[in-house]
Amino acid sequence: MSFKGKVVIVTGGGQGIGRAISREFASKGAKVVIADIDSEAGIENEQYIISQGNSAFFVDTDVSDESSVKNLVAKTVEKYGDIDILINDAAISGFGNIFDISMEDWDRVIAVNLRGPFMCAKYCAPIMARKGGGCIINIASTRAFMSEPDTEAYSASKGGLIALTHSLAISLSKSRIRVNSISPGWIEVSEWKKSSEAKPAMLSELDHSQHPAGRVGVPQDIARACLYLCSEDAGFITGTNLTVDGGMTVKMIYV
């Protein structure tokens, strides 16, 4: 599977799942733009990808801010001339008790997790369309379908992102832009944070055994799903959500 010469923007690409996604695309020949609000993480990942003989470019980006998103798109086109693929991974959790969470915190989660992907799609799509098409992947969550207490803002934003996905797929179909979402389950990212925060994963056999696949997920699981959905092999797939959770959400649990 080659993406040689393709220009790929990965928001939240500095660390976590976004770090794995950007590295996977770069290893397949893509020119990767790492968009992140954390400059330390973004620059570190940029330098790593370049050290591997691949192409990467960091742009300091707040996806909730329209001018910042416009700057991301402008700098990408200035650097690489095109945009072929957009991976909307940037997100914040914002967990909090419903009685205590402020509306400012609620608004911030929705702004980053839902407004951000919409704006990135809005401003990337015209660049994709002018060359005959492209791909957009929205990283949602299994929390769009199931919840723990005190996750209203995050769950709502991810549910909205899945709805945004199928809406964009229809709206952008005439421009030959495919739009899909991926809903990760439990993905252990401790070792994929920036160097100043990275730490070994602390997982038990019970953690792994909760998954029918026999293990907790790793960021590469999501990265490889992105590669597939953006490949020619997935050319007939648009407007869909792919759950990548090791089977955890379909396992019945009796207490």
C-alpha atoms as a PDB file:
ATOM      1  CA  MET A   1       0.000   0.000   0.000  1.00  0.00           C
ATOM      2  CA  SER A   2       1.735   3.173  -1.215  1.00  0.00           C
ATOM      3  CA  PHE A   3       0.854   6.809  -0.648  1.00  0.00           C
ATOM      4  CA  LYS A   4       3.918   8.127  -2.401  1.00  0.00           C
ATOM      5  CA  GLY A   5       3.573  11.838  -3.124  1.00  0.00           C
ATOM      6  CA  LYS A   6       0.206  12.166  -1.361  1.00  0.00           C
ATOM      7  CA  VAL A   7      -0.195  15.146   0.965  1.00  0.00           C
ATOM      8  CA  VAL A   8      -1.746  14.152   4.287  1.00  0.00           C
ATOM      9  CA  ILE A   9      -2.810  16.496   7.091  1.00  0.00           C
ATOM     10  CA  VAL A  10      -3.093  14.869  10.531  1.00  0.00           C
ATOM     11  CA  THR A  11      -4.621  17.086  13.199  1.00  0.00           C
ATOM     12  CA  GLY A  12      -3.523  16.134  16.686  1.00  0.00           C
ATOM     13  CA  GLY A  13      -0.556  14.563  14.924  1.00  0.00           C
ATOM     14  CA  GLY A  14       2.012  15.342  17.598  1.00  0.00           C
ATOM     15  CA  GLN A  15       1.296  12.491  19.964  1.00  0.00           C
ATOM     16  CA  GLY A  16      -1.019   9.618  20.775  1.00  0.00           C
ATOM     17  CA  ILE A  17      -3.025   8.081  17.957  1.00  0.00           C
ATOM     18  CA  GLY A  18      -2.200  11.028  15.699  1.00  0.00           C
ATOM     19  CA  ARG A  19       1.528  10.376  16.111  1.00  0.00           C
ATOM     20  CA  ALA A  20       1.075   6.788  14.925  1.00  0.00           C
ATOM     21  CA  ILE A  21      -1.131   7.854  12.007  1.00  0.00           C
ATOM     22  CA  SER A  22       1.362  10.451  10.783  1.00  0.00           C
ATOM     23  CA  ARG A  23       4.252   8.009  11.001  1.00  0.00           C
ATOM     24  CA  GLU A  24       2.380   5.259   9.161  1.00  0.00           C
ATOM     25  CA  PHE A  25       1.484   7.543   6.263  1.00  0.00           C
ATOM     26  CA  ALA A  26       5.020   8.944   6.130  1.00  0.00           C
ATOM     27  CA  SER A  27       6.468   5.418   6.024  1.00  0.00           C
ATOM     28  CA  LYS A  28       4.283   4.763   2.978  1.00  0.00           C
ATOM     29  CA  GLY A  29       5.725   7.739   1.087  1.00  0.00           C
ATOM     30  CA  ALA A  30       3.242  10.466   2.008  1.00  0.00           C
ATOM     31  CA  LYS A  31       4.142  14.076   2.676  1.00  0.00           C
ATOM     32  CA  VAL A  32       2.739  14.551   6.157  1.00  0.00           C
ATOM     33  CA  VAL A  33       1.595  17.774   7.767  1.00  0.00           C
ATOM     34  CA  ILE A  34       1.495  17.490  11.554  1.00  0.00           C
ATOM     35  CA  ALA A  35      -1.086  19.938  12.934  1.00  0.00           C
ATOM     36  CA  ASP A  36      -1.037  20.262  16.702  1.00  0.00           C
ATOM     37  CA  ILE A  37      -1.522  22.871  19.416  1.00  0.00           C
ATOM     38  CA  ASP A  38       1.386  21.321  21.345  1.00  0.00           C
ATOM     39  CA  SER A  39       4.538  22.600  19.640  1.00  0.00           C
ATOM     40  CA  GLU A  40       6.845  20.377  21.673  1.00  0.00           C
ATOM     41  CA  ALA A  41       5.010  17.240  20.568  1.00  0.00           C
ATOM     42  CA  GLY A  42       4.590  18.393  16.986  1.00  0.00           C
ATOM     43  CA  ILE A  43       8.207  19.359  16.419  1.00  0.00           C
ATOM     44  CA  GLU A  44       9.443  16.179  18.085  1.00  0.00           C
ATOM     45  CA  ASN A  45       7.333  14.026  15.758  1.00  0.00           C
ATOM     46  CA  GLU A  46       8.335  16.078  12.719  1.00  0.00           C
ATOM     47  CA  GLN A  47      12.014  15.536  13.535  1.00  0.00           C
ATOM     48  CA  TYR A  48      11.488  11.817  14.068  1.00  0.00           C
ATOM     49  CA  ILE A  49       9.784  11.343  10.703  1.00  0.00           C
ATOM     50  CA  ILE A  50      12.480  13.316   8.905  1.00  0.00           C
ATOM     51  CA  SER A  51      15.177  11.277  10.674  1.00  0.00           C
ATOM     52  CA  GLN A  52      13.624   8.171   9.095  1.00  0.00           C
ATOM     53  CA  GLY A  53      14.144   9.641   5.634  1.00  0.00           C
ATOM     54  CA  ASN A  54      10.511  10.627   5.192  1.00  0.00           C
ATOM     55  CA  SER A  55       8.733  13.941   4.695  1.00  0.00           C
ATOM     56  CA  ALA A  56       6.996  15.888   7.473  1.00  0.00           C
ATOM     57  CA  PHE A  57       6.103  19.480   8.271  1.00  0.00           C
ATOM     58  CA  PHE A  58       4.756  20.809  11.580  1.00  0.00           C
ATOM     59  CA  VAL A  59       2.157  23.603  11.741  1.00  0.00           C
ATOM     60  CA  ASP A  60       1.121  25.018  15.125  1.00  0.00           C
ATOM     61  CA  THR A  61      -2.677  24.724  14.968  1.00  0.00           C
ATOM     62  CA  ASP A  62      -5.716  25.246  17.175  1.00  0.00           C
ATOM     63  CA  VAL A  63      -8.462  23.451  15.244  1.00  0.00           C
ATOM     64  CA  SER A  64     -11.186  25.317  17.157  1.00  0.00           C
ATOM     65  CA  ASP A  65      -9.974  28.639  15.750  1.00  0.00           C
ATOM     66  CA  GLU A  66     -10.997  29.469  12.179  1.00  0.00           C
ATOM     67  CA  SER A  67      -7.991  31.670  11.428  1.00  0.00           C
ATOM     68  CA  SER A  68      -5.663  28.914  12.678  1.00  0.00           C
ATOM     69  CA  VAL A  69      -7.319  26.327  10.416  1.00  0.00           C
ATOM     70  CA  LYS A  70      -7.069  28.685   7.440  1.00  0.00           C
ATOM     71  CA  ASN A  71      -3.381  29.166   8.241  1.00  0.00           C
ATOM     72  CA  LEU A  72      -2.887  25.382   8.344  1.00  0.00           C
ATOM     73  CA  VAL A  73      -4.402  24.963   4.899  1.00  0.00           C
ATOM     74  CA  ALA A  74      -2.476  27.916   3.454  1.00  0.00           C
ATOM     75  CA  LYS A  75       0.865  26.687   4.805  1.00  0.00           C
ATOM     76  CA  THR A  76       0.198  23.162   3.565  1.00  0.00           C
ATOM     77  CA  VAL A  77      -0.530  24.376   0.042  1.00  0.00           C
ATOM     78  CA  GLU A  78       2.468  26.702   0.160  1.00  0.00           C
ATOM     79  CA  LYS A  79       4.757  23.846   1.248  1.00  0.00           C
ATOM     80  CA  TYR A  80       3.410  20.904  -0.743  1.00  0.00           C
ATOM     81  CA  GLY A  81       1.035  22.402  -3.322  1.00  0.00           C
ATOM     82  CA  ASP A  82      -1.923  20.111  -2.610  1.00  0.00           C
ATOM     83  CA  ILE A  83      -4.021  18.272  -0.034  1.00  0.00           C
ATOM     84  CA  ASP A  84      -5.062  14.685  -0.714  1.00  0.00           C
ATOM     85  CA  ILE A  85      -6.035  13.350   2.704  1.00  0.00           C
ATOM     86  CA  LEU A  86      -7.284  14.913   5.941  1.00  0.00           C
ATOM     87  CA  ILE A  87      -7.262  12.952   9.200  1.00  0.00           C
ATOM     88  CA  ASN A  88      -9.258  14.774  11.895  1.00  0.00           C
ATOM     89  CA  ASP A  89      -7.756  13.344  15.080  1.00  0.00           C
ATOM     90  CA  ALA A  90      -7.354  16.396  17.349  1.00  0.00           C
ATOM     91  CA  ALA A  91      -9.602  16.115  20.409  1.00  0.00           C
ATOM     92  CA  ILE A  92      -9.847  16.845  24.119  1.00  0.00           C
ATOM     93  CA  SER A  93     -11.681  14.833  26.776  1.00  0.00           C
ATOM     94  CA  GLY A  94     -13.293  17.431  29.027  1.00  0.00           C
ATOM     95  CA  PHE A  95     -14.793  14.883  31.408  1.00  0.00           C
ATOM     96  CA  GLY A  96     -16.698  16.383  34.326  1.00  0.00           C
ATOM     97  CA  ASN A  97     -19.710  15.910  36.572  1.00  0.00           C
ATOM     98  CA  ILE A  98     -22.868  17.240  34.901  1.00  0.00           C
ATOM     99  CA  PHE A  99     -23.621  19.382  37.951  1.00  0.00           C
ATOM    100  CA  ASP A 100     -20.152  20.911  38.091  1.00  0.00           C
ATOM    101  CA  ILE A 101     -18.886  21.215  34.514  1.00  0.00           C
ATOM    102  CA  SER A 102     -18.993  24.799  33.288  1.00  0.00           C
ATOM    103  CA  MET A 103     -20.615  25.732  30.009  1.00  0.00           C
ATOM    104  CA  GLU A 104     -17.263  27.168  28.960  1.00  0.00           C
ATOM    105  CA  ASP A 105     -15.727  23.689  29.347  1.00  0.00           C
ATOM    106  CA  TRP A 106     -18.629  22.134  27.431  1.00  0.00           C
ATOM    107  CA  ASP A 107     -18.229  24.673  24.629  1.00  0.00           C
ATOM    108  CA  ARG A 108     -14.469  24.046  24.444  1.00  0.00           C
ATOM    109  CA  VAL A 109     -14.944  20.293  23.969  1.00  0.00           C
ATOM    110  CA  ILE A 110     -17.523  20.825  21.218  1.00  0.00           C
ATOM    111  CA  ALA A 111     -15.330  23.485  19.599  1.00  0.00           C
ATOM    112  CA  VAL A 112     -12.263  21.240  19.381  1.00  0.00           C
ATOM    113  CA  ASN A 113     -13.930  17.876  18.762  1.00  0.00           C
ATOM    114  CA  LEU A 114     -16.758  18.851  16.403  1.00  0.00           C
ATOM    115  CA  ARG A 115     -16.384  22.426  15.155  1.00  0.00           C
ATOM    116  CA  GLY A 116     -12.701  21.721  14.439  1.00  0.00           C
ATOM    117  CA  PRO A 117     -13.239  18.742  12.098  1.00  0.00           C
ATOM    118  CA  PHE A 118     -15.991  20.642  10.282  1.00  0.00           C
ATOM    119  CA  MET A 119     -13.751  23.651   9.669  1.00  0.00           C
ATOM    120  CA  CYS A 120     -10.816  21.505   8.594  1.00  0.00           C
ATOM    121  CA  ALA A 121     -13.070  19.708   6.100  1.00  0.00           C
ATOM    122  CA  LYS A 122     -14.591  23.010   4.939  1.00  0.00           C
ATOM    123  CA  TYR A 123     -11.226  24.524   4.059  1.00  0.00           C
ATOM    124  CA  CYS A 124      -9.431  21.387   2.853  1.00  0.00           C
ATOM    125  CA  ALA A 125     -12.218  20.157   0.563  1.00  0.00           C
ATOM    126  CA  PRO A 126     -11.836  22.874  -2.111  1.00  0.00           C
ATOM    127  CA  ILE A 127      -8.142  21.994  -2.463  1.00  0.00           C
ATOM    128  CA  MET A 128      -9.012  18.302  -2.803  1.00  0.00           C
ATOM    129  CA  ALA A 129     -11.793  19.016  -5.275  1.00  0.00           C
ATOM    130  CA  ARG A 130      -9.646  21.002  -7.677  1.00  0.00           C
ATOM    131  CA  LYS A 131      -7.490  17.926  -8.350  1.00  0.00           C
ATOM    132  CA  GLY A 132     -10.376  15.483  -8.601  1.00  0.00           C
ATOM    133  CA  GLY A 133     -10.994  14.168  -5.119  1.00  0.00           C
ATOM    134  CA  GLY A 134      -9.561  13.051  -1.819  1.00  0.00           C
ATOM    135  CA  CYS A 135     -10.282  11.386   1.508  1.00  0.00           C
ATOM    136  CA  ILE A 136     -11.326  12.638   4.930  1.00  0.00           C
ATOM    137  CA  ILE A 137     -11.218  10.444   8.043  1.00  0.00           C
ATOM    138  CA  ASN A 138     -12.794  11.613  11.297  1.00  0.00           C
ATOM    139  CA  ILE A 139     -11.514   9.897  14.430  1.00  0.00           C
ATOM    140  CA  ALA A 140     -14.629   9.404  16.551  1.00  0.00           C
ATOM    141  CA  SER A 141     -14.959   7.015  19.521  1.00  0.00           C
ATOM    142  CA  THR A 142     -16.948   4.060  20.793  1.00  0.00           C
ATOM    143  CA  ARG A 143     -18.135   6.546  23.437  1.00  0.00           C
ATOM    144  CA  ALA A 144     -20.517   7.754  20.742  1.00  0.00           C
ATOM    145  CA  PHE A 145     -22.445   4.521  21.428  1.00  0.00           C
ATOM    146  CA  MET A 146     -21.731   3.712  25.076  1.00  0.00           C
ATOM    147  CA  SER A 147     -20.783   5.753  28.132  1.00  0.00           C
ATOM    148  CA  GLU A 148     -19.285   5.971  31.577  1.00  0.00           C
ATOM    149  CA  PRO A 149     -20.560   8.630  33.991  1.00  0.00           C
ATOM    150  CA  ASP A 150     -19.536  12.252  33.505  1.00  0.00           C
ATOM    151  CA  THR A 151     -18.615  12.051  29.814  1.00  0.00           C
ATOM    152  CA  GLU A 152     -21.511  14.016  28.294  1.00  0.00           C
ATOM    153  CA  ALA A 153     -19.503  16.607  26.389  1.00  0.00           C
ATOM    154  CA  TYR A 154     -17.043  14.117  24.927  1.00  0.00           C
ATOM    155  CA  SER A 155     -19.689  11.531  24.029  1.00  0.00           C
ATOM    156  CA  ALA A 156     -21.906  14.177  22.429  1.00  0.00           C
ATOM    157  CA  SER A 157     -19.027  15.538  20.380  1.00  0.00           C
ATOM    158  CA  LYS A 158     -18.091  12.089  19.087  1.00  0.00           C
ATOM    159  CA  GLY A 159     -21.694  11.184  18.299  1.00  0.00           C
ATOM    160  CA  GLY A 160     -21.969  14.453  16.407  1.00  0.00           C
ATOM    161  CA  LEU A 161     -18.763  13.672  14.554  1.00  0.00           C
ATOM    162  CA  ILE A 162     -20.215  10.421  13.218  1.00  0.00           C
ATOM    163  CA  ALA A 163     -23.307  12.293  12.021  1.00  0.00           C
ATOM    164  CA  LEU A 164     -21.066  14.955  10.479  1.00  0.00           C
ATOM    165  CA  THR A 165     -19.208  12.177   8.659  1.00  0.00           C
ATOM    166  CA  HIS A 166     -22.178  10.827   6.728  1.00  0.00           C
ATOM    167  CA  SER A 167     -23.437  14.350   6.037  1.00  0.00           C
ATOM    168  CA  LEU A 168     -20.074  15.419   4.584  1.00  0.00           C
ATOM    169  CA  ALA A 169     -19.909  12.190   2.563  1.00  0.00           C
ATOM    170  CA  ILE A 170     -23.094  13.187   0.753  1.00  0.00           C
ATOM    171  CA  SER A 171     -22.270  16.876   0.401  1.00  0.00           C
ATOM    172  CA  LEU A 172     -18.768  16.220  -0.957  1.00  0.00           C
ATOM    173  CA  SER A 173     -19.621  13.250  -3.161  1.00  0.00           C
ATOM    174  CA  LYS A 174     -19.822  15.354  -6.318  1.00  0.00           C
ATOM    175  CA  SER A 175     -16.254  16.442  -5.668  1.00  0.00           C
ATOM    176  CA  ARG A 176     -15.209  12.771  -5.394  1.00  0.00           C
ATOM    177  CA  ILE A 177     -14.186  13.194  -1.782  1.00  0.00           C
ATOM    178  CA  ARG A 178     -14.834  10.133   0.363  1.00  0.00           C
ATOM    179  CA  VAL A 179     -15.552  10.755   4.044  1.00  0.00           C
ATOM    180  CA  ASN A 180     -15.500   8.053   6.733  1.00  0.00           C
ATOM    181  CA  SER A 181     -15.035   7.834  10.485  1.00  0.00           C
ATOM    182  CA  ILE A 182     -13.196   5.430  12.761  1.00  0.00           C
ATOM    183  CA  SER A 183     -14.356   4.761  16.309  1.00  0.00           C
ATOM    184  CA  PRO A 184     -11.472   3.516  18.443  1.00  0.00           C
ATOM    185  CA  GLY A 185     -12.139   1.630  21.637  1.00  0.00           C
ATOM    186  CA  TRP A 186      -9.530   1.293  24.380  1.00  0.00           C
ATOM    187  CA  ILE A 187      -6.256   2.379  22.766  1.00  0.00           C
ATOM    188  CA  GLU A 188      -3.232   2.561  25.075  1.00  0.00           C
ATOM    189  CA  VAL A 189      -1.246   5.683  24.176  1.00  0.00           C
ATOM    190  CA  SER A 190       1.098   6.046  27.183  1.00  0.00           C
ATOM    191  CA  GLU A 191       4.185   5.197  25.130  1.00  0.00           C
ATOM    192  CA  TRP A 192       3.093   7.447  22.241  1.00  0.00           C
ATOM    193  CA  LYS A 193       3.107  10.744  24.084  1.00  0.00           C
ATOM    194  CA  LYS A 194       5.883  13.321  23.687  1.00  0.00           C
ATOM    195  CA  SER A 195       9.162  12.360  25.361  1.00  0.00           C
ATOM    196  CA  SER A 196       8.599  14.533  28.419  1.00  0.00           C
ATOM    197  CA  GLU A 197       5.343  12.699  29.230  1.00  0.00           C
ATOM    198  CA  ALA A 198       5.761   9.210  27.745  1.00  0.00           C
ATOM    199  CA  LYS A 199       5.723   6.242  30.116  1.00  0.00           C
ATOM    200  CA  PRO A 200       5.425   2.469  29.901  1.00  0.00           C
ATOM    201  CA  ALA A 201       1.929   1.064  29.563  1.00  0.00           C
ATOM    202  CA  MET A 202       0.548  -0.358  32.813  1.00  0.00           C
ATOM    203  CA  LEU A 203      -1.899  -3.037  31.711  1.00  0.00           C
ATOM    204  CA  SER A 204      -3.136  -6.159  33.478  1.00  0.00           C
ATOM    205  CA  GLU A 205      -4.287  -9.511  32.140  1.00  0.00           C
ATOM    206  CA  LEU A 206      -7.816  -8.451  33.114  1.00  0.00           C
ATOM    207  CA  ASP A 207      -7.488  -5.373  30.902  1.00  0.00           C
ATOM    208  CA  HIS A 208      -6.534  -7.533  27.932  1.00  0.00           C
ATOM    209  CA  SER A 209      -9.118 -10.225  28.662  1.00  0.00           C
ATOM    210  CA  GLN A 210     -11.993  -7.734  28.411  1.00  0.00           C
ATOM    211  CA  HIS A 211     -11.367  -7.715  24.663  1.00  0.00           C
ATOM    212  CA  PRO A 212     -12.466 -10.636  22.471  1.00  0.00           C
ATOM    213  CA  ALA A 213      -9.349  -9.935  20.378  1.00  0.00           C
ATOM    214  CA  GLY A 214      -7.286 -10.791  23.463  1.00  0.00           C
ATOM    215  CA  ARG A 215      -5.522  -7.475  24.013  1.00  0.00           C
ATOM    216  CA  VAL A 216      -5.913  -3.751  24.540  1.00  0.00           C
ATOM    217  CA  GLY A 217      -5.532  -1.721  21.360  1.00  0.00           C
ATOM    218  CA  VAL A 218      -2.430   0.180  20.246  1.00  0.00           C
ATOM    219  CA  PRO A 219      -2.260   3.369  18.134  1.00  0.00           C
ATOM    220  CA  GLN A 220      -1.024   1.429  15.108  1.00  0.00           C
ATOM    221  CA  ASP A 221      -4.385  -0.378  15.001  1.00  0.00           C
ATOM    222  CA  ILE A 222      -6.081   2.934  14.201  1.00  0.00           C
ATOM    223  CA  ALA A 223      -3.311   4.084  11.890  1.00  0.00           C
ATOM    224  CA  ARG A 224      -3.618   0.964   9.752  1.00  0.00           C
ATOM    225  CA  ALA A 225      -7.388   1.402   9.556  1.00  0.00           C
ATOM    226  CA  CYS A 226      -6.757   4.922   8.250  1.00  0.00           C
ATOM    227  CA  LEU A 227      -4.384   3.572   5.607  1.00  0.00           C
ATOM    228  CA  TYR A 228      -7.017   1.120   4.417  1.00  0.00           C
ATOM    229  CA  LEU A 229      -9.883   3.623   4.277  1.00  0.00           C
ATOM    230  CA  CYS A 230      -7.735   6.075   2.313  1.00  0.00           C
ATOM    231  CA  SER A 231      -6.496   3.433  -0.127  1.00  0.00           C
ATOM    232  CA  GLU A 232      -7.893   2.503  -3.528  1.00  0.00           C
ATOM    233  CA  ASP A 233      -9.011  -0.807  -1.997  1.00  0.00           C
ATOM    234  CA  ALA A 234     -11.638   1.177  -0.060  1.00  0.00           C
ATOM    235  CA  GLY A 235     -12.818   3.156  -3.068  1.00  0.00           C
ATOM    236  CA  PHE A 236     -16.426   2.004  -2.615  1.00  0.00           C
ATOM    237  CA  ILE A 237     -16.578   2.970   1.068  1.00  0.00           C
ATOM    238  CA  THR A 238     -17.885   6.385   2.082  1.00  0.00           C
ATOM    239  CA  GLY A 239     -20.146   7.746   4.803  1.00  0.00           C
ATOM    240  CA  THR A 240     -19.504   4.813   7.092  1.00  0.00           C
ATOM    241  CA  ASN A 241     -18.099   4.356  10.595  1.00  0.00           C
ATOM    242  CA  LEU A 242     -15.539   1.646  11.293  1.00  0.00           C
ATOM    243  CA  THR A 243     -15.364   0.465  14.904  1.00  0.00           C
ATOM    244  CA  VAL A 244     -11.861  -0.645  15.894  1.00  0.00           C
ATOM    245  CA  ASP A 245     -12.121  -1.882  19.476  1.00  0.00           C
ATOM    246  CA  GLY A 246     -11.046  -5.516  19.613  1.00  0.00           C
ATOM    247  CA  GLY A 247     -14.716  -6.506  19.893  1.00  0.00           C
ATOM    248  CA  MET A 248     -15.166  -4.841  23.275  1.00  0.00           C
ATOM    249  CA  THR A 249     -18.450  -3.061  22.515  1.00  0.00           C
ATOM    250  CA  VAL A 250     -20.192  -6.231  21.287  1.00  0.00           C
ATOM    251  CA  LYS A 251     -19.232  -8.346  24.304  1.00  0.00           C
ATOM    252  CA  MET A 252     -22.101  -8.961  26.705  1.00  0.00           C
ATOM    253  CA  ILE A 253     -21.172  -8.576  30.358  1.00  0.00           C
ATOM    254  CA  TYR A 254     -23.233  -9.976  33.237  1.00  0.00           C
ATOM    255  CA  VAL A 255     -22.599  -8.798  36.791  1.00  0.00           C
END
